[in-house]
N, C-alpha and C. Protein backbone atom coordinates (compact mmCIF):
# COMPACT_ATOMS: atom_id res chain seq x y z
N UNK A 1 149.53 23.51 165.46
CA UNK A 1 148.70 23.96 164.35
C UNK A 1 147.72 22.86 163.94
N UNK A 2 147.68 21.74 164.62
CA UNK A 2 146.85 20.61 164.21
C UNK A 2 145.35 20.89 164.32
N UNK A 3 144.95 21.85 165.15
CA UNK A 3 143.53 22.12 165.31
C UNK A 3 143.07 23.35 164.54
N UNK A 4 143.93 23.90 163.76
CA UNK A 4 143.60 25.09 162.98
C UNK A 4 142.92 24.68 161.68
N UNK A 5 141.82 25.34 161.36
CA UNK A 5 141.08 25.04 160.13
C UNK A 5 141.40 26.05 159.06
N UNK A 6 141.46 25.55 157.84
CA UNK A 6 141.72 26.37 156.67
C UNK A 6 140.65 26.09 155.62
N UNK A 7 140.35 27.10 154.82
CA UNK A 7 139.46 26.92 153.68
C UNK A 7 140.31 27.02 152.42
N UNK A 8 140.00 26.19 151.45
CA UNK A 8 140.68 26.21 150.16
C UNK A 8 139.61 26.26 149.08
N UNK A 9 139.63 27.32 148.28
CA UNK A 9 138.65 27.50 147.21
C UNK A 9 139.36 27.29 145.88
N UNK A 10 138.73 26.53 145.01
CA UNK A 10 139.34 26.31 143.69
C UNK A 10 138.34 26.62 142.59
N UNK A 11 138.83 27.32 141.58
CA UNK A 11 138.02 27.62 140.40
C UNK A 11 137.99 26.39 139.52
N UNK A 12 136.84 26.10 138.93
CA UNK A 12 136.70 24.88 138.13
C UNK A 12 137.24 24.99 136.71
N UNK A 13 137.46 26.22 136.19
CA UNK A 13 138.09 26.33 134.88
C UNK A 13 139.51 25.81 134.99
N UNK A 14 139.91 24.96 134.06
CA UNK A 14 141.24 24.35 134.06
C UNK A 14 141.48 23.56 135.34
N UNK A 15 140.47 22.85 135.80
CA UNK A 15 140.57 22.13 137.08
C UNK A 15 141.68 21.09 137.09
N UNK A 16 142.02 20.54 135.94
CA UNK A 16 143.12 19.56 135.90
C UNK A 16 144.43 20.19 136.36
N UNK A 17 144.58 21.48 136.18
CA UNK A 17 145.77 22.20 136.62
C UNK A 17 145.55 22.81 138.00
N UNK A 18 144.43 23.48 138.20
CA UNK A 18 144.16 24.18 139.45
C UNK A 18 144.13 23.21 140.63
N UNK A 19 143.62 22.01 140.44
CA UNK A 19 143.58 21.02 141.52
C UNK A 19 144.96 20.67 142.05
N UNK A 20 145.98 20.88 141.27
CA UNK A 20 147.35 20.60 141.71
C UNK A 20 147.75 21.53 142.85
N UNK A 21 147.20 22.75 142.89
CA UNK A 21 147.49 23.65 144.01
C UNK A 21 146.99 23.06 145.32
N UNK A 22 145.82 22.45 145.28
CA UNK A 22 145.29 21.79 146.47
C UNK A 22 146.20 20.64 146.89
N UNK A 23 146.69 19.88 145.93
CA UNK A 23 147.63 18.79 146.25
C UNK A 23 148.83 19.32 147.01
N UNK A 24 149.42 20.39 146.51
CA UNK A 24 150.58 20.98 147.18
C UNK A 24 150.23 21.51 148.56
N UNK A 25 149.08 22.14 148.69
CA UNK A 25 148.62 22.67 149.97
C UNK A 25 148.49 21.54 150.99
N UNK A 26 147.91 20.42 150.55
CA UNK A 26 147.68 19.29 151.45
C UNK A 26 148.94 18.50 151.78
N UNK A 27 150.03 18.76 151.07
CA UNK A 27 151.31 18.16 151.45
C UNK A 27 151.79 18.71 152.78
N UNK A 28 151.40 19.93 153.11
CA UNK A 28 151.90 20.59 154.32
C UNK A 28 150.84 20.79 155.40
N UNK A 29 149.59 20.79 155.02
CA UNK A 29 148.49 20.95 155.98
C UNK A 29 147.59 19.73 155.86
N UNK A 30 147.37 19.02 156.96
CA UNK A 30 146.56 17.79 156.89
C UNK A 30 145.16 18.04 156.33
N UNK A 31 144.71 17.12 155.50
CA UNK A 31 143.40 17.28 154.84
C UNK A 31 142.26 17.40 155.84
N UNK A 32 142.40 16.81 157.02
CA UNK A 32 141.32 16.91 158.00
C UNK A 32 141.20 18.33 158.58
N UNK A 33 142.16 19.20 158.28
CA UNK A 33 142.12 20.60 158.73
C UNK A 33 141.73 21.55 157.61
N UNK A 34 141.35 21.00 156.46
CA UNK A 34 141.07 21.84 155.28
C UNK A 34 139.67 21.52 154.74
N UNK A 35 138.87 22.56 154.59
CA UNK A 35 137.58 22.44 153.92
C UNK A 35 137.74 22.97 152.51
N UNK A 36 137.31 22.20 151.52
CA UNK A 36 137.50 22.55 150.11
C UNK A 36 136.17 22.99 149.51
N UNK A 37 136.23 24.09 148.77
CA UNK A 37 135.04 24.64 148.13
C UNK A 37 135.34 24.90 146.67
N UNK A 38 134.36 24.66 145.81
CA UNK A 38 134.51 24.90 144.37
C UNK A 38 133.65 26.08 143.95
N UNK A 39 134.17 26.84 143.00
CA UNK A 39 133.43 27.92 142.35
C UNK A 39 133.59 27.75 140.85
N UNK A 40 132.69 28.32 140.06
CA UNK A 40 132.77 28.13 138.61
C UNK A 40 134.09 28.62 137.99
N UNK A 41 134.49 29.84 138.35
CA UNK A 41 135.69 30.40 137.75
C UNK A 41 136.38 31.35 138.71
N UNK A 42 137.43 31.97 138.24
CA UNK A 42 138.23 32.85 139.08
C UNK A 42 137.45 34.05 139.60
N UNK A 43 136.56 34.58 138.79
CA UNK A 43 135.85 35.79 139.15
C UNK A 43 134.98 35.60 140.40
N UNK A 44 134.60 34.37 140.68
CA UNK A 44 133.77 34.07 141.85
C UNK A 44 134.58 33.86 143.13
N UNK A 45 135.89 33.79 143.04
CA UNK A 45 136.72 33.54 144.21
C UNK A 45 136.58 34.59 145.32
N UNK A 46 136.66 35.89 145.01
CA UNK A 46 136.63 36.87 146.10
C UNK A 46 135.37 36.83 146.96
N UNK A 47 134.22 36.68 146.35
CA UNK A 47 132.98 36.63 147.12
C UNK A 47 132.96 35.41 148.04
N UNK A 48 133.34 34.26 147.50
CA UNK A 48 133.37 33.05 148.32
C UNK A 48 134.40 33.18 149.43
N UNK A 49 135.56 33.76 149.11
CA UNK A 49 136.60 33.95 150.13
C UNK A 49 136.09 34.85 151.25
N UNK A 50 135.44 35.93 150.88
CA UNK A 50 134.89 36.84 151.89
C UNK A 50 133.86 36.14 152.77
N UNK A 51 132.96 35.40 152.13
CA UNK A 51 131.91 34.71 152.89
C UNK A 51 132.50 33.67 153.84
N UNK A 52 133.48 32.93 153.38
CA UNK A 52 134.10 31.91 154.24
C UNK A 52 134.89 32.56 155.37
N UNK A 53 135.64 33.60 155.06
CA UNK A 53 136.41 34.29 156.09
C UNK A 53 135.48 34.88 157.15
N UNK A 54 134.36 35.40 156.72
CA UNK A 54 133.42 36.05 157.65
C UNK A 54 132.78 35.07 158.63
N UNK A 55 132.83 33.78 158.34
CA UNK A 55 132.23 32.80 159.27
C UNK A 55 133.00 32.71 160.58
N UNK A 56 134.27 33.08 160.57
CA UNK A 56 135.10 32.96 161.75
C UNK A 56 135.60 31.55 162.00
N UNK A 57 135.32 30.62 161.10
CA UNK A 57 135.74 29.23 161.26
C UNK A 57 137.18 28.97 160.81
N UNK A 58 137.73 29.88 160.01
CA UNK A 58 139.01 29.60 159.35
C UNK A 58 140.10 30.57 159.77
N UNK A 59 141.28 30.02 159.99
CA UNK A 59 142.44 30.84 160.31
C UNK A 59 142.96 31.54 159.06
N UNK A 60 142.74 30.94 157.93
CA UNK A 60 143.14 31.53 156.64
C UNK A 60 142.34 30.86 155.53
N UNK A 61 142.23 31.57 154.42
CA UNK A 61 141.53 31.08 153.24
C UNK A 61 142.49 31.18 152.06
N UNK A 62 142.62 30.09 151.31
CA UNK A 62 143.45 30.10 150.09
C UNK A 62 142.51 29.96 148.89
N UNK A 63 142.83 30.66 147.82
CA UNK A 63 141.99 30.65 146.62
C UNK A 63 142.86 30.41 145.39
N UNK A 64 142.49 29.43 144.57
CA UNK A 64 143.31 29.04 143.43
C UNK A 64 142.54 29.13 142.12
N UNK A 65 143.21 29.67 141.10
CA UNK A 65 142.63 29.77 139.76
C UNK A 65 143.74 29.93 138.73
N UNK A 66 143.44 29.53 137.52
CA UNK A 66 144.30 29.78 136.37
C UNK A 66 143.50 30.64 135.41
N UNK A 67 143.94 31.87 135.21
CA UNK A 67 143.25 32.81 134.33
C UNK A 67 144.08 32.94 133.07
N UNK A 68 143.53 32.45 131.95
CA UNK A 68 144.30 32.45 130.70
C UNK A 68 143.66 33.38 129.68
N UNK A 69 144.46 33.77 128.73
CA UNK A 69 144.00 34.62 127.64
C UNK A 69 143.32 33.72 126.61
N UNK A 70 141.99 33.71 126.66
CA UNK A 70 141.25 32.90 125.71
C UNK A 70 140.89 33.65 124.45
N UNK A 71 141.36 34.88 124.34
CA UNK A 71 141.10 35.68 123.15
C UNK A 71 139.73 36.32 123.11
N UNK A 72 138.90 36.08 124.12
CA UNK A 72 137.55 36.61 124.13
C UNK A 72 137.45 37.82 125.05
N UNK A 73 138.12 37.79 126.17
CA UNK A 73 138.07 38.88 127.14
C UNK A 73 139.49 39.22 127.58
N UNK A 74 139.62 40.30 128.27
CA UNK A 74 140.94 40.70 128.75
C UNK A 74 141.25 39.98 130.05
N UNK A 75 142.07 38.94 129.96
CA UNK A 75 142.37 38.14 131.14
C UNK A 75 143.11 38.94 132.20
N UNK A 76 143.85 39.98 131.80
CA UNK A 76 144.54 40.79 132.79
C UNK A 76 143.55 41.55 133.66
N UNK A 77 142.43 41.96 133.08
CA UNK A 77 141.38 42.63 133.85
C UNK A 77 140.78 41.66 134.87
N UNK A 78 140.50 40.45 134.44
CA UNK A 78 139.92 39.45 135.34
C UNK A 78 140.90 39.14 136.46
N UNK A 79 142.16 38.92 136.11
CA UNK A 79 143.17 38.59 137.12
C UNK A 79 143.31 39.72 138.14
N UNK A 80 143.35 40.95 137.68
CA UNK A 80 143.47 42.09 138.60
C UNK A 80 142.25 42.19 139.51
N UNK A 81 141.07 41.99 138.96
CA UNK A 81 139.85 42.05 139.76
C UNK A 81 139.85 40.94 140.82
N UNK A 82 140.31 39.77 140.46
CA UNK A 82 140.34 38.65 141.40
C UNK A 82 141.32 38.92 142.54
N UNK A 83 142.53 39.30 142.20
CA UNK A 83 143.54 39.55 143.24
C UNK A 83 143.13 40.72 144.12
N UNK A 84 142.62 41.78 143.53
CA UNK A 84 142.14 42.91 144.33
C UNK A 84 140.99 42.48 145.25
N UNK A 85 140.08 41.69 144.73
CA UNK A 85 138.95 41.21 145.52
C UNK A 85 139.38 40.31 146.66
N UNK A 86 140.36 39.46 146.41
CA UNK A 86 140.87 38.58 147.47
C UNK A 86 141.52 39.40 148.58
N UNK A 87 142.30 40.41 148.19
CA UNK A 87 142.94 41.26 149.19
C UNK A 87 141.88 41.99 150.01
N UNK A 88 140.87 42.49 149.34
CA UNK A 88 139.79 43.20 150.03
C UNK A 88 139.06 42.27 150.98
N UNK A 89 138.83 41.03 150.57
CA UNK A 89 138.14 40.07 151.44
C UNK A 89 138.94 39.87 152.73
N UNK A 90 140.24 39.77 152.62
CA UNK A 90 141.07 39.62 153.81
C UNK A 90 141.06 40.86 154.68
N UNK A 91 141.18 42.01 154.06
CA UNK A 91 141.19 43.26 154.82
C UNK A 91 139.84 43.52 155.48
N UNK A 92 138.76 43.22 154.78
CA UNK A 92 137.42 43.47 155.33
C UNK A 92 137.08 42.54 156.49
N UNK A 93 137.60 41.32 156.47
CA UNK A 93 137.23 40.34 157.49
C UNK A 93 138.29 40.15 158.56
N UNK A 94 139.51 40.57 158.28
CA UNK A 94 140.60 40.34 159.22
C UNK A 94 141.16 38.93 159.18
N UNK A 95 140.73 38.15 158.20
CA UNK A 95 141.22 36.79 158.02
C UNK A 95 142.13 36.78 156.80
N UNK A 96 143.32 36.21 156.92
CA UNK A 96 144.23 36.17 155.77
C UNK A 96 143.60 35.41 154.60
N UNK A 97 143.63 36.02 153.43
CA UNK A 97 143.15 35.39 152.20
C UNK A 97 144.34 35.35 151.24
N UNK A 98 144.73 34.16 150.88
CA UNK A 98 145.93 33.93 150.08
C UNK A 98 145.56 33.59 148.64
N UNK A 99 146.28 34.15 147.71
CA UNK A 99 146.00 33.92 146.29
C UNK A 99 146.98 32.92 145.69
N UNK A 100 146.42 31.92 145.05
CA UNK A 100 147.18 31.00 144.22
C UNK A 100 146.60 31.14 142.81
N UNK A 101 146.43 32.38 142.41
CA UNK A 101 145.81 32.69 141.13
C UNK A 101 146.89 33.15 140.16
N UNK A 102 147.06 32.41 139.10
CA UNK A 102 148.12 32.70 138.14
C UNK A 102 147.54 33.10 136.80
N UNK A 103 148.27 33.96 136.11
CA UNK A 103 147.85 34.47 134.81
C UNK A 103 149.01 34.36 133.82
N UNK A 104 149.18 33.20 133.20
CA UNK A 104 150.27 33.08 132.22
C UNK A 104 149.93 33.86 130.95
N UNK A 105 150.93 34.46 130.38
CA UNK A 105 150.71 35.25 129.16
C UNK A 105 150.64 34.41 127.90
N UNK A 106 151.25 33.24 127.93
CA UNK A 106 151.33 32.45 126.70
C UNK A 106 150.89 31.01 126.92
N UNK A 107 149.83 30.82 127.69
CA UNK A 107 149.34 29.46 127.94
C UNK A 107 148.67 28.90 126.69
N UNK A 108 148.98 27.66 126.40
CA UNK A 108 148.33 26.95 125.30
C UNK A 108 147.86 25.60 125.82
N UNK A 109 146.77 25.11 125.26
CA UNK A 109 146.20 23.82 125.67
C UNK A 109 147.00 22.67 125.09
N UNK A 110 148.27 22.61 125.43
CA UNK A 110 149.12 21.52 124.97
C UNK A 110 149.55 20.70 126.18
N UNK A 111 149.95 19.47 125.95
CA UNK A 111 150.41 18.61 127.04
C UNK A 111 151.62 19.24 127.73
N UNK A 112 152.48 19.86 126.96
CA UNK A 112 153.69 20.49 127.51
C UNK A 112 153.32 21.61 128.47
N UNK A 113 152.46 22.53 128.05
CA UNK A 113 152.08 23.65 128.92
C UNK A 113 151.29 23.16 130.12
N UNK A 114 150.41 22.21 129.92
CA UNK A 114 149.64 21.68 131.04
C UNK A 114 150.56 21.08 132.10
N UNK A 115 151.59 20.35 131.66
CA UNK A 115 152.54 19.74 132.60
C UNK A 115 153.33 20.81 133.35
N UNK A 116 153.76 21.83 132.64
CA UNK A 116 154.53 22.91 133.27
C UNK A 116 153.69 23.60 134.34
N UNK A 117 152.46 23.96 134.00
CA UNK A 117 151.63 24.69 134.95
C UNK A 117 151.11 23.80 136.07
N UNK A 118 150.91 22.52 135.80
CA UNK A 118 150.51 21.60 136.87
C UNK A 118 151.61 21.52 137.92
N UNK A 119 152.84 21.38 137.50
CA UNK A 119 153.97 21.33 138.44
C UNK A 119 154.09 22.66 139.19
N UNK A 120 153.89 23.75 138.47
CA UNK A 120 153.98 25.07 139.08
C UNK A 120 152.89 25.25 140.14
N UNK A 121 151.70 24.75 139.87
CA UNK A 121 150.60 24.89 140.82
C UNK A 121 150.84 24.06 142.07
N UNK A 122 151.48 22.90 141.94
CA UNK A 122 151.81 22.12 143.14
C UNK A 122 152.71 22.96 144.04
N UNK A 123 153.74 23.57 143.47
CA UNK A 123 154.64 24.40 144.27
C UNK A 123 153.91 25.61 144.84
N UNK A 124 153.04 26.24 144.06
CA UNK A 124 152.29 27.40 144.56
C UNK A 124 151.35 26.99 145.70
N UNK A 125 150.81 25.79 145.64
CA UNK A 125 149.99 25.29 146.75
C UNK A 125 150.81 25.12 148.01
N UNK A 126 152.03 24.60 147.87
CA UNK A 126 152.93 24.48 149.02
C UNK A 126 153.24 25.86 149.59
N UNK A 127 153.51 26.81 148.70
CA UNK A 127 153.83 28.17 149.15
C UNK A 127 152.65 28.78 149.91
N UNK A 128 151.45 28.55 149.43
CA UNK A 128 150.26 29.07 150.13
C UNK A 128 150.13 28.43 151.50
N UNK A 129 150.39 27.13 151.59
CA UNK A 129 150.32 26.45 152.89
C UNK A 129 151.36 27.01 153.85
N UNK A 130 152.59 27.20 153.37
CA UNK A 130 153.62 27.78 154.23
C UNK A 130 153.24 29.19 154.68
N UNK A 131 152.70 29.97 153.76
CA UNK A 131 152.28 31.34 154.10
C UNK A 131 151.16 31.30 155.14
N UNK A 132 150.19 30.42 154.95
CA UNK A 132 149.08 30.30 155.91
C UNK A 132 149.61 29.93 157.29
N UNK A 133 150.49 28.94 157.34
CA UNK A 133 151.06 28.52 158.61
C UNK A 133 151.84 29.66 159.27
N UNK A 134 152.62 30.37 158.48
CA UNK A 134 153.45 31.44 159.02
C UNK A 134 152.60 32.58 159.57
N UNK A 135 151.61 33.00 158.82
CA UNK A 135 150.80 34.12 159.28
C UNK A 135 149.95 33.74 160.49
N UNK A 136 149.47 32.51 160.54
CA UNK A 136 148.70 32.06 161.69
C UNK A 136 149.60 32.04 162.93
N UNK A 137 150.79 31.53 162.79
CA UNK A 137 151.73 31.47 163.92
C UNK A 137 152.13 32.88 164.36
N UNK A 138 152.39 33.76 163.44
CA UNK A 138 152.76 35.15 163.78
C UNK A 138 151.61 35.83 164.52
N UNK A 139 150.41 35.64 164.04
CA UNK A 139 149.25 36.25 164.70
C UNK A 139 149.05 35.68 166.11
N UNK A 140 149.34 34.40 166.29
CA UNK A 140 149.25 33.79 167.61
C UNK A 140 150.26 34.42 168.57
N UNK A 141 151.48 34.62 168.07
CA UNK A 141 152.52 35.23 168.91
C UNK A 141 152.14 36.66 169.28
N UNK A 142 151.58 37.39 168.32
CA UNK A 142 151.15 38.76 168.60
C UNK A 142 150.05 38.77 169.66
N UNK A 143 149.10 37.87 169.52
CA UNK A 143 147.99 37.78 170.50
C UNK A 143 148.48 37.40 171.89
N UNK A 144 149.49 36.54 171.94
CA UNK A 144 150.01 36.08 173.22
C UNK A 144 150.81 37.18 173.93
N UNK A 145 151.20 38.19 173.17
CA UNK A 145 151.93 39.33 173.76
C UNK A 145 153.36 39.02 173.79
């Protein structure tokens, strides 16, 4: 798997937490095999994922965001649109698109919550890396017959 390329997209909202997903991802997949892309927020993830997948350069694309209830908009609507869009990007291009997009119901801008979600994002990044590796290997076996 050393020559397989992956794309990792991260939303810049709550980057102090979202960046932890990339850390976890890079614990299992060497950084020289990962191209990292930034987008303003979660809502922009599906379009970027689709565009990257469509290049044919990547075996899989991972997308990370933290969508919180800021009291201004319905975060559940945004989260659903993002996850649906990521799934569609994968189905439309045939390239696996993995979501590391979380929507906590009671997130607060406190040191305690930030620490909890930062640790959680590291693990979610590892999970995305394992999923990417597994699906790439399974697809290779299928292609080999």
